[in-house]
Protein backbone atom coordinates (compact mmCIF):
# COMPACT_ATOMS: atom_id res chain seq x y z
CA UNK A 1 0.00 0.00 0.00
CA UNK A 2 1.25 3.45 -0.92
CA UNK A 3 1.82 5.89 1.93
CA UNK A 4 -0.41 8.92 2.37
CA UNK A 5 0.50 12.17 0.65
CA UNK A 6 2.70 14.50 2.70
CA UNK A 7 3.52 18.19 2.46
CA UNK A 8 7.02 17.13 1.35
CA UNK A 9 5.42 15.73 -1.85
CA UNK A 10 4.76 19.28 -3.10
CA UNK A 11 6.86 19.95 -6.19
CA UNK A 12 7.16 16.28 -7.16
CA UNK A 13 6.56 15.21 -10.74
CA UNK A 14 3.62 12.92 -11.47
CA UNK A 15 4.45 10.36 -14.15
CA UNK A 16 2.62 7.52 -15.87
CA UNK A 17 3.79 3.92 -15.59
CA UNK A 18 5.49 4.51 -18.97
CA UNK A 19 7.45 7.46 -17.56
CA UNK A 20 5.52 10.24 -19.30
CA UNK A 21 5.13 13.45 -17.31
CA UNK A 22 1.54 14.18 -16.28
CA UNK A 23 2.11 17.24 -14.10
CA UNK A 24 3.52 18.56 -10.85
CA UNK A 25 2.10 18.42 -7.34
CA UNK A 26 1.38 22.03 -6.47
CA UNK A 27 -0.29 21.55 -3.11
CA UNK A 28 -1.13 18.95 -0.48
CA UNK A 29 -4.30 19.84 1.37
CA UNK A 30 -6.28 17.64 3.71
CA UNK A 31 -4.24 14.61 2.67
CA UNK A 32 -5.06 15.15 -1.00
CA UNK A 33 -2.54 16.02 -3.72
CA UNK A 34 -3.46 18.75 -6.20
CA UNK A 35 -1.66 18.53 -9.53
CA UNK A 36 -1.04 21.17 -12.16
CA UNK A 37 -1.13 19.29 -15.49
CA UNK A 38 1.79 19.46 -17.88
CA UNK A 39 0.96 21.65 -20.87
CA UNK A 40 1.68 18.79 -23.29
CA UNK A 41 -0.67 16.32 -21.56
CA UNK A 42 -2.83 14.57 -24.13
CA UNK A 43 -6.61 14.70 -24.02
CA UNK A 44 -6.84 10.90 -23.69
CA UNK A 45 -4.67 10.92 -20.55
CA UNK A 46 -6.70 13.83 -19.16
CA UNK A 47 -9.88 11.82 -19.69
CA UNK A 48 -8.38 8.74 -18.02
CA UNK A 49 -7.47 10.82 -14.98
CA UNK A 50 -10.83 12.63 -14.97
CA UNK A 51 -9.14 15.95 -15.64
CA UNK A 52 -11.45 17.12 -18.40
CA UNK A 53 -12.50 20.58 -17.21
CA UNK A 54 -10.16 22.85 -19.17
CA UNK A 55 -10.95 25.83 -16.91
CA UNK A 56 -9.26 24.20 -13.89
CA UNK A 57 -5.63 25.01 -13.09
CA UNK A 58 -5.18 22.07 -10.72
CA UNK A 59 -6.82 18.69 -10.28
CA UNK A 60 -6.98 16.29 -7.33
CA UNK A 61 -4.89 13.14 -7.67
CA UNK A 62 -6.75 10.07 -6.46
CA UNK A 63 -4.59 8.13 -4.00
CA UNK A 64 -5.84 4.85 -5.47
CA UNK A 65 -4.27 5.87 -8.83
CA UNK A 66 -0.76 5.94 -7.33
CA UNK A 67 1.55 2.96 -7.65
CA UNK A 68 4.48 4.40 -5.71
CA UNK A 69 6.03 7.57 -4.37
CA UNK A 70 9.78 7.48 -4.83
CA UNK A 71 12.41 10.19 -4.86
CA UNK A 72 11.08 13.28 -6.61
CA UNK A 73 8.35 11.43 -8.54
CA UNK A 74 4.89 10.02 -7.96
CA UNK A 75 4.29 7.05 -10.27
CA UNK A 76 0.79 6.22 -11.44
CA UNK A 77 -0.51 2.67 -11.76
CA UNK A 78 -0.17 1.03 -15.16
CA UNK A 79 -3.87 0.19 -15.47
CA UNK A 80 -4.96 3.80 -15.89
PDB file of N, CA and C in Angstrom:
ATOM      1  N   UNK A   1       0.841  -1.193   0.000  1.00  0.00           N
ATOM      2  CA  UNK A   1       0.000   0.000   0.000  1.00  0.00           C
ATOM      3  C   UNK A   1       0.879   1.248   0.000  1.00  0.00           C
ATOM      4  N   UNK A   2       0.490   2.209  -0.789  1.00  0.00           N
ATOM      5  CA  UNK A   2       1.245   3.453  -0.917  1.00  0.00           C
ATOM      6  C   UNK A   2       0.953   4.339   0.286  1.00  0.00           C
ATOM      7  N   UNK A   3       1.994   4.985   0.778  1.00  0.00           N
ATOM      8  CA  UNK A   3       1.819   5.886   1.925  1.00  0.00           C
ATOM      9  C   UNK A   3       0.926   7.061   1.561  1.00  0.00           C
ATOM     10  N   UNK A   4       0.407   7.729   2.579  1.00  0.00           N
ATOM     11  CA  UNK A   4      -0.414   8.923   2.373  1.00  0.00           C
ATOM     12  C   UNK A   4       0.446  10.049   1.816  1.00  0.00           C
ATOM     13  N   UNK A   5      -0.205  10.985   1.146  1.00  0.00           N
ATOM     14  CA  UNK A   5       0.503  12.166   0.655  1.00  0.00           C
ATOM     15  C   UNK A   5       0.967  13.002   1.840  1.00  0.00           C
ATOM     16  N   UNK A   6       2.123  13.634   1.672  1.00  0.00           N
ATOM     17  CA  UNK A   6       2.699  14.502   2.700  1.00  0.00           C
ATOM     18  C   UNK A   6       3.019  15.865   2.085  1.00  0.00           C
ATOM     19  N   UNK A   7       3.147  16.857   2.944  1.00  0.00           N
ATOM     20  CA  UNK A   7       3.521  18.194   2.456  1.00  0.00           C
ATOM     21  C   UNK A   7       4.837  18.152   1.680  1.00  0.00           C
ATOM     22  N   UNK A   8       5.725  17.235   2.047  1.00  0.00           N
ATOM     23  CA  UNK A   8       7.016  17.130   1.353  1.00  0.00           C
ATOM     24  C   UNK A   8       6.865  16.630  -0.092  1.00  0.00           C
ATOM     25  N   UNK A   9       5.660  16.179  -0.468  1.00  0.00           N
ATOM     26  CA  UNK A   9       5.420  15.733  -1.845  1.00  0.00           C
ATOM     27  C   UNK A   9       5.169  16.906  -2.794  1.00  0.00           C
ATOM     28  N   UNK A  10       4.961  18.099  -2.248  1.00  0.00           N
ATOM     29  CA  UNK A  10       4.764  19.276  -3.100  1.00  0.00           C
ATOM     30  C   UNK A  10       6.002  19.484  -3.969  1.00  0.00           C
ATOM     31  N   UNK A  11       5.772  19.737  -5.246  1.00  0.00           N
ATOM     32  CA  UNK A  11       6.858  19.946  -6.193  1.00  0.00           C
ATOM     33  C   UNK A  11       7.288  18.680  -6.917  1.00  0.00           C
ATOM     34  N   UNK A  12       6.786  17.524  -6.497  1.00  0.00           N
ATOM     35  CA  UNK A  12       7.163  16.279  -7.158  1.00  0.00           C
ATOM     36  C   UNK A  12       6.454  16.148  -8.500  1.00  0.00           C
ATOM     37  N   UNK A  13       7.135  15.482  -9.429  1.00  0.00           N
ATOM     38  CA  UNK A  13       6.560  15.205 -10.736  1.00  0.00           C
ATOM     39  C   UNK A  13       5.628  14.004 -10.621  1.00  0.00           C
ATOM     40  N   UNK A  14       4.534  14.053 -11.369  1.00  0.00           N
ATOM     41  CA  UNK A  14       3.617  12.923 -11.465  1.00  0.00           C
ATOM     42  C   UNK A  14       3.825  12.322 -12.845  1.00  0.00           C
ATOM     43  N   UNK A  15       4.140  11.015 -12.883  1.00  0.00           N
ATOM     44  CA  UNK A  15       4.447  10.362 -14.152  1.00  0.00           C
ATOM     45  C   UNK A  15       3.607   9.095 -14.312  1.00  0.00           C
ATOM     46  N   UNK A  16       3.343   8.746 -15.568  1.00  0.00           N
ATOM     47  CA  UNK A  16       2.617   7.517 -15.874  1.00  0.00           C
ATOM     48  C   UNK A  16       3.547   6.326 -15.652  1.00  0.00           C
ATOM     49  N   UNK A  17       2.987   5.140 -15.718  1.00  0.00           N
ATOM     50  CA  UNK A  17       3.785   3.918 -15.591  1.00  0.00           C
ATOM     51  C   UNK A  17       4.828   3.829 -16.701  1.00  0.00           C
ATOM     52  N   UNK A  18       4.554   4.491 -17.843  1.00  0.00           N
ATOM     53  CA  UNK A  18       5.490   4.506 -18.967  1.00  0.00           C
ATOM     54  C   UNK A  18       6.543   5.607 -18.846  1.00  0.00           C
ATOM     55  N   UNK A  19       6.462   6.401 -17.787  1.00  0.00           N
ATOM     56  CA  UNK A  19       7.446   7.455 -17.560  1.00  0.00           C
ATOM     57  C   UNK A  19       7.121   8.792 -18.179  1.00  0.00           C
ATOM     58  N   UNK A  20       5.909   8.961 -18.711  1.00  0.00           N
ATOM     59  CA  UNK A  20       5.521  10.244 -19.303  1.00  0.00           C
ATOM     60  C   UNK A  20       5.037  11.194 -18.216  1.00  0.00           C
ATOM     61  N   UNK A  21       5.493  12.421 -18.292  1.00  0.00           N
ATOM     62  CA  UNK A  21       5.129  13.447 -17.312  1.00  0.00           C
ATOM     63  C   UNK A  21       3.662  13.830 -17.448  1.00  0.00           C
ATOM     64  N   UNK A  22       2.947  13.802 -16.317  1.00  0.00           N
ATOM     65  CA  UNK A  22       1.540  14.183 -16.275  1.00  0.00           C
ATOM     66  C   UNK A  22       1.400  15.599 -15.741  1.00  0.00           C
ATOM     67  N   UNK A  23       2.184  15.918 -14.718  1.00  0.00           N
ATOM     68  CA  UNK A  23       2.106  17.235 -14.101  1.00  0.00           C
ATOM     69  C   UNK A  23       2.971  17.285 -12.860  1.00  0.00           C
ATOM     70  N   UNK A  24       2.745  18.332 -12.066  1.00  0.00           N
ATOM     71  CA  UNK A  24       3.517  18.561 -10.852  1.00  0.00           C
ATOM     72  C   UNK A  24       2.572  18.793  -9.690  1.00  0.00           C
ATOM     73  N   UNK A  25       2.906  18.201  -8.544  1.00  0.00           N
ATOM     74  CA  UNK A  25       2.104  18.416  -7.340  1.00  0.00           C
ATOM     75  C   UNK A  25       2.340  19.850  -6.877  1.00  0.00           C
ATOM     76  N   UNK A  26       1.287  20.634  -6.879  1.00  0.00           N
ATOM     77  CA  UNK A  26       1.375  22.033  -6.472  1.00  0.00           C
ATOM     78  C   UNK A  26       1.048  22.227  -4.996  1.00  0.00           C
ATOM     79  N   UNK A  27       0.163  21.344  -4.487  1.00  0.00           N
ATOM     80  CA  UNK A  27      -0.288  21.554  -3.107  1.00  0.00           C
ATOM     81  C   UNK A  27      -0.793  20.230  -2.540  1.00  0.00           C
ATOM     82  N   UNK A  28      -0.529  20.046  -1.249  1.00  0.00           N
ATOM     83  CA  UNK A  28      -1.128  18.953  -0.483  1.00  0.00           C
ATOM     84  C   UNK A  28      -2.061  19.615   0.516  1.00  0.00           C
ATOM     85  N   UNK A  29      -3.319  19.223   0.479  1.00  0.00           N
ATOM     86  CA  UNK A  29      -4.302  19.838   1.370  1.00  0.00           C
ATOM     87  C   UNK A  29      -5.261  18.758   1.840  1.00  0.00           C
ATOM     88  N   UNK A  30      -5.376  18.634   3.160  1.00  0.00           N
ATOM     89  CA  UNK A  30      -6.285  17.639   3.711  1.00  0.00           C
ATOM     90  C   UNK A  30      -5.947  16.231   3.270  1.00  0.00           C
ATOM     91  N   UNK A  31      -4.658  15.939   3.094  1.00  0.00           N
ATOM     92  CA  UNK A  31      -4.240  14.614   2.672  1.00  0.00           C
ATOM     93  C   UNK A  31      -4.446  14.317   1.201  1.00  0.00           C
ATOM     94  N   UNK A  32      -4.821  15.318   0.434  1.00  0.00           N
ATOM     95  CA  UNK A  32      -5.058  15.148  -0.999  1.00  0.00           C
ATOM     96  C   UNK A  32      -4.027  15.949  -1.787  1.00  0.00           C
ATOM     97  N   UNK A  33      -3.498  15.337  -2.847  1.00  0.00           N
ATOM     98  CA  UNK A  33      -2.542  16.018  -3.719  1.00  0.00           C
ATOM     99  C   UNK A  33      -3.296  16.744  -4.830  1.00  0.00           C
ATOM    100  N   UNK A  34      -2.878  17.962  -5.111  1.00  0.00           N
ATOM    101  CA  UNK A  34      -3.464  18.747  -6.199  1.00  0.00           C
ATOM    102  C   UNK A  34      -2.364  18.976  -7.232  1.00  0.00           C
ATOM    103  N   UNK A  35      -2.661  18.563  -8.469  1.00  0.00           N
ATOM    104  CA  UNK A  35      -1.656  18.530  -9.529  1.00  0.00           C
ATOM    105  C   UNK A  35      -1.966  19.556 -10.604  1.00  0.00           C
ATOM    106  N   UNK A  36      -0.930  20.273 -11.000  1.00  0.00           N
ATOM    107  CA  UNK A  36      -1.036  21.171 -12.156  1.00  0.00           C
ATOM    108  C   UNK A  36      -0.580  20.359 -13.360  1.00  0.00           C
ATOM    109  N   UNK A  37      -1.475  20.127 -14.339  1.00  0.00           N
ATOM    110  CA  UNK A  37      -1.131  19.295 -15.491  1.00  0.00           C
ATOM    111  C   UNK A  37      -0.024  19.906 -16.343  1.00  0.00           C
ATOM    112  N   UNK A  38       0.779  19.042 -16.926  1.00  0.00           N
ATOM    113  CA  UNK A  38       1.791  19.456 -17.884  1.00  0.00           C
ATOM    114  C   UNK A  38       1.085  19.996 -19.120  1.00  0.00           C
ATOM    115  N   UNK A  39       1.617  21.016 -19.722  1.00  0.00           N
ATOM    116  CA  UNK A  39       0.959  21.649 -20.875  1.00  0.00           C
ATOM    117  C   UNK A  39       0.849  20.720 -22.076  1.00  0.00           C
ATOM    118  N   UNK A  40       1.710  19.703 -22.149  1.00  0.00           N
ATOM    119  CA  UNK A  40       1.679  18.790 -23.294  1.00  0.00           C
ATOM    120  C   UNK A  40       0.854  17.530 -23.014  1.00  0.00           C
ATOM    121  N   UNK A  41       0.124  17.498 -21.923  1.00  0.00           N
ATOM    122  CA  UNK A  41      -0.670  16.322 -21.560  1.00  0.00           C
ATOM    123  C   UNK A  41      -1.776  16.092 -22.576  1.00  0.00           C
ATOM    124  N   UNK A  42      -1.843  14.871 -23.092  1.00  0.00           N
ATOM    125  CA  UNK A  42      -2.833  14.570 -24.133  1.00  0.00           C
ATOM    126  C   UNK A  42      -4.244  14.517 -23.555  1.00  0.00           C
ATOM    127  N   UNK A  43      -5.207  14.724 -24.419  1.00  0.00           N
ATOM    128  CA  UNK A  43      -6.612  14.697 -24.019  1.00  0.00           C
ATOM    129  C   UNK A  43      -7.005  13.309 -23.514  1.00  0.00           C
ATOM    130  N   UNK A  44      -6.475  12.261 -24.119  1.00  0.00           N
ATOM    131  CA  UNK A  44      -6.837  10.901 -23.687  1.00  0.00           C
ATOM    132  C   UNK A  44      -6.350  10.620 -22.262  1.00  0.00           C
ATOM    133  N   UNK A  45      -5.176  11.102 -21.916  1.00  0.00           N
ATOM    134  CA  UNK A  45      -4.668  10.920 -20.550  1.00  0.00           C
ATOM    135  C   UNK A  45      -5.496  11.762 -19.590  1.00  0.00           C
ATOM    136  N   UNK A  46      -5.838  12.980 -19.991  1.00  0.00           N
ATOM    137  CA  UNK A  46      -6.699  13.833 -19.160  1.00  0.00           C
ATOM    138  C   UNK A  46      -8.020  13.123 -18.854  1.00  0.00           C
ATOM    139  N   UNK A  47      -8.608  12.514 -19.865  1.00  0.00           N
ATOM    140  CA  UNK A  47      -9.883  11.818 -19.686  1.00  0.00           C
ATOM    141  C   UNK A  47      -9.728  10.629 -18.740  1.00  0.00           C
ATOM    142  N   UNK A  48      -8.644   9.890 -18.887  1.00  0.00           N
ATOM    143  CA  UNK A  48      -8.384   8.742 -18.020  1.00  0.00           C
ATOM    144  C   UNK A  48      -8.276   9.171 -16.566  1.00  0.00           C
ATOM    145  N   UNK A  49      -7.656  10.316 -16.338  1.00  0.00           N
ATOM    146  CA  UNK A  49      -7.474  10.823 -14.976  1.00  0.00           C
ATOM    147  C   UNK A  49      -8.695  11.588 -14.463  1.00  0.00           C
ATOM    148  N   UNK A  50      -9.661  11.854 -15.358  1.00  0.00           N
ATOM    149  CA  UNK A  50     -10.833  12.626 -14.967  1.00  0.00           C
ATOM    150  C   UNK A  50     -10.566  14.115 -14.928  1.00  0.00           C
ATOM    151  N   UNK A  51      -9.542  14.548 -15.622  1.00  0.00           N
ATOM    152  CA  UNK A  51      -9.135  15.953 -15.643  1.00  0.00           C
ATOM    153  C   UNK A  51      -9.624  16.609 -16.932  1.00  0.00           C
ATOM    154  N   UNK A  52     -10.905  16.656 -17.129  1.00  0.00           N
ATOM    155  CA  UNK A  52     -11.447  17.120 -18.405  1.00  0.00           C
ATOM    156  C   UNK A  52     -11.904  18.571 -18.421  1.00  0.00           C
ATOM    157  N   UNK A  53     -12.053  19.187 -17.257  1.00  0.00           N
ATOM    158  CA  UNK A  53     -12.500  20.579 -17.207  1.00  0.00           C
ATOM    159  C   UNK A  53     -11.316  21.497 -17.505  1.00  0.00           C
ATOM    160  N   UNK A  54     -11.279  22.019 -18.714  1.00  0.00           N
ATOM    161  CA  UNK A  54     -10.164  22.854 -19.166  1.00  0.00           C
ATOM    162  C   UNK A  54      -9.997  24.144 -18.365  1.00  0.00           C
ATOM    163  N   UNK A  55     -11.036  24.571 -17.652  1.00  0.00           N
ATOM    164  CA  UNK A  55     -10.952  25.828 -16.911  1.00  0.00           C
ATOM    165  C   UNK A  55     -10.211  25.672 -15.577  1.00  0.00           C
ATOM    166  N   UNK A  56      -9.966  24.442 -15.152  1.00  0.00           N
ATOM    167  CA  UNK A  56      -9.257  24.195 -13.895  1.00  0.00           C
ATOM    168  C   UNK A  56      -7.752  24.333 -14.078  1.00  0.00           C
ATOM    169  N   UNK A  57      -7.091  24.914 -13.069  1.00  0.00           N
ATOM    170  CA  UNK A  57      -5.635  25.015 -13.093  1.00  0.00           C
ATOM    171  C   UNK A  57      -4.980  23.819 -12.423  1.00  0.00           C
ATOM    172  N   UNK A  58      -5.689  23.226 -11.444  1.00  0.00           N
ATOM    173  CA  UNK A  58      -5.178  22.069 -10.721  1.00  0.00           C
ATOM    174  C   UNK A  58      -6.288  21.047 -10.556  1.00  0.00           C
ATOM    175  N   UNK A  59      -5.875  19.787 -10.436  1.00  0.00           N
ATOM    176  CA  UNK A  59      -6.821  18.692 -10.281  1.00  0.00           C
ATOM    177  C   UNK A  59      -6.388  17.802  -9.124  1.00  0.00           C
ATOM    178  N   UNK A  60      -7.358  17.217  -8.405  1.00  0.00           N
ATOM    179  CA  UNK A  60      -6.985  16.294  -7.333  1.00  0.00           C
ATOM    180  C   UNK A  60      -6.439  14.991  -7.933  1.00  0.00           C
ATOM    181  N   UNK A  61      -5.450  14.428  -7.268  1.00  0.00           N
ATOM    182  CA  UNK A  61      -4.895  13.143  -7.667  1.00  0.00           C
ATOM    183  C   UNK A  61      -5.453  12.092  -6.719  1.00  0.00           C
ATOM    184  N   UNK A  62      -6.170  11.124  -7.275  1.00  0.00           N
ATOM    185  CA  UNK A  62      -6.752  10.068  -6.458  1.00  0.00           C
ATOM    186  C   UNK A  62      -5.639   9.155  -5.936  1.00  0.00           C
ATOM    187  N   UNK A  63      -5.616   8.956  -4.629  1.00  0.00           N
ATOM    188  CA  UNK A  63      -4.593   8.131  -4.002  1.00  0.00           C
ATOM    189  C   UNK A  63      -4.582   6.728  -4.595  1.00  0.00           C
ATOM    190  N   UNK A  64      -5.756   6.206  -4.924  1.00  0.00           N
ATOM    191  CA  UNK A  64      -5.835   4.850  -5.474  1.00  0.00           C
ATOM    192  C   UNK A  64      -5.231   4.743  -6.875  1.00  0.00           C
ATOM    193  N   UNK A  65      -4.909   5.870  -7.508  1.00  0.00           N
ATOM    194  CA  UNK A  65      -4.275   5.867  -8.825  1.00  0.00           C
ATOM    195  C   UNK A  65      -2.754   5.770  -8.738  1.00  0.00           C
ATOM    196  N   UNK A  66      -2.215   5.889  -7.517  1.00  0.00           N
ATOM    197  CA  UNK A  66      -0.764   5.940  -7.326  1.00  0.00           C
ATOM    198  C   UNK A  66      -0.197   4.545  -7.080  1.00  0.00           C
ATOM    199  N   UNK A  67       0.854   4.220  -7.825  1.00  0.00           N
ATOM    200  CA  UNK A  67       1.555   2.956  -7.649  1.00  0.00           C
ATOM    201  C   UNK A  67       2.641   3.082  -6.595  1.00  0.00           C
ATOM    202  N   UNK A  68       3.417   4.178  -6.691  1.00  0.00           N
ATOM    203  CA  UNK A  68       4.476   4.399  -5.715  1.00  0.00           C
ATOM    204  C   UNK A  68       4.886   5.861  -5.679  1.00  0.00           C
ATOM    205  N   UNK A  69       5.453   6.238  -4.541  1.00  0.00           N
ATOM    206  CA  UNK A  69       6.029   7.567  -4.368  1.00  0.00           C
ATOM    207  C   UNK A  69       7.494   7.327  -4.063  1.00  0.00           C
ATOM    208  N   UNK A  70       8.358   7.763  -4.972  1.00  0.00           N
ATOM    209  CA  UNK A  70       9.782   7.480  -4.832  1.00  0.00           C
ATOM    210  C   UNK A  70      10.600   8.668  -5.299  1.00  0.00           C
ATOM    211  N   UNK A  71      11.548   9.074  -4.486  1.00  0.00           N
ATOM    212  CA  UNK A  71      12.408  10.191  -4.858  1.00  0.00           C
ATOM    213  C   UNK A  71      11.604  11.439  -5.112  1.00  0.00           C
ATOM    214  N   UNK A  72      11.794  12.041  -6.277  1.00  0.00           N
ATOM    215  CA  UNK A  72      11.083  13.279  -6.607  1.00  0.00           C
ATOM    216  C   UNK A  72       9.937  13.031  -7.577  1.00  0.00           C
ATOM    217  N   UNK A  73       9.438  11.768  -7.626  1.00  0.00           N
ATOM    218  CA  UNK A  73       8.354  11.435  -8.543  1.00  0.00           C
ATOM    219  C   UNK A  73       7.254  10.628  -7.859  1.00  0.00           C
ATOM    220  N   UNK A  74       6.043  10.824  -8.353  1.00  0.00           N
ATOM    221  CA  UNK A  74       4.889  10.020  -7.964  1.00  0.00           C
ATOM    222  C   UNK A  74       4.495   9.241  -9.212  1.00  0.00           C
ATOM    223  N   UNK A  75       4.543   7.916  -9.122  1.00  0.00           N
ATOM    224  CA  UNK A  75       4.291   7.050 -10.269  1.00  0.00           C
ATOM    225  C   UNK A  75       2.849   6.541 -10.211  1.00  0.00           C
ATOM    226  N   UNK A  76       2.153   6.685 -11.336  1.00  0.00           N
ATOM    227  CA  UNK A  76       0.788   6.217 -11.436  1.00  0.00           C
ATOM    228  C   UNK A  76       0.756   4.733 -11.782  1.00  0.00           C
ATOM    229  N   UNK A  77      -0.345   4.076 -11.443  1.00  0.00           N
ATOM    230  CA  UNK A  77      -0.513   2.669 -11.763  1.00  0.00           C
ATOM    231  C   UNK A  77      -0.585   2.474 -13.275  1.00  0.00           C
ATOM    232  N   UNK A  78      -0.206   1.303 -13.725  1.00  0.00           N
ATOM    233  CA  UNK A  78      -0.173   1.027 -15.160  1.00  0.00           C
ATOM    234  C   UNK A  78      -1.543   0.784 -15.767  1.00  0.00           C
ATOM    235  N   UNK A  79      -2.543   0.500 -14.943  1.00  0.00           N
ATOM    236  CA  UNK A  79      -3.873   0.187 -15.470  1.00  0.00           C
ATOM    237  C   UNK A  79      -4.750   1.411 -15.663  1.00  0.00           C
ATOM    238  N   UNK A  80      -4.164   2.581 -15.672  1.00  0.00           N
ATOM    239  CA  UNK A  80      -4.958   3.801 -15.887  1.00  0.00           C
ATOM    240  C   UNK A  80      -5.199   4.006 -17.357  1.00  0.00           C
TER     241      UNK A  80
END
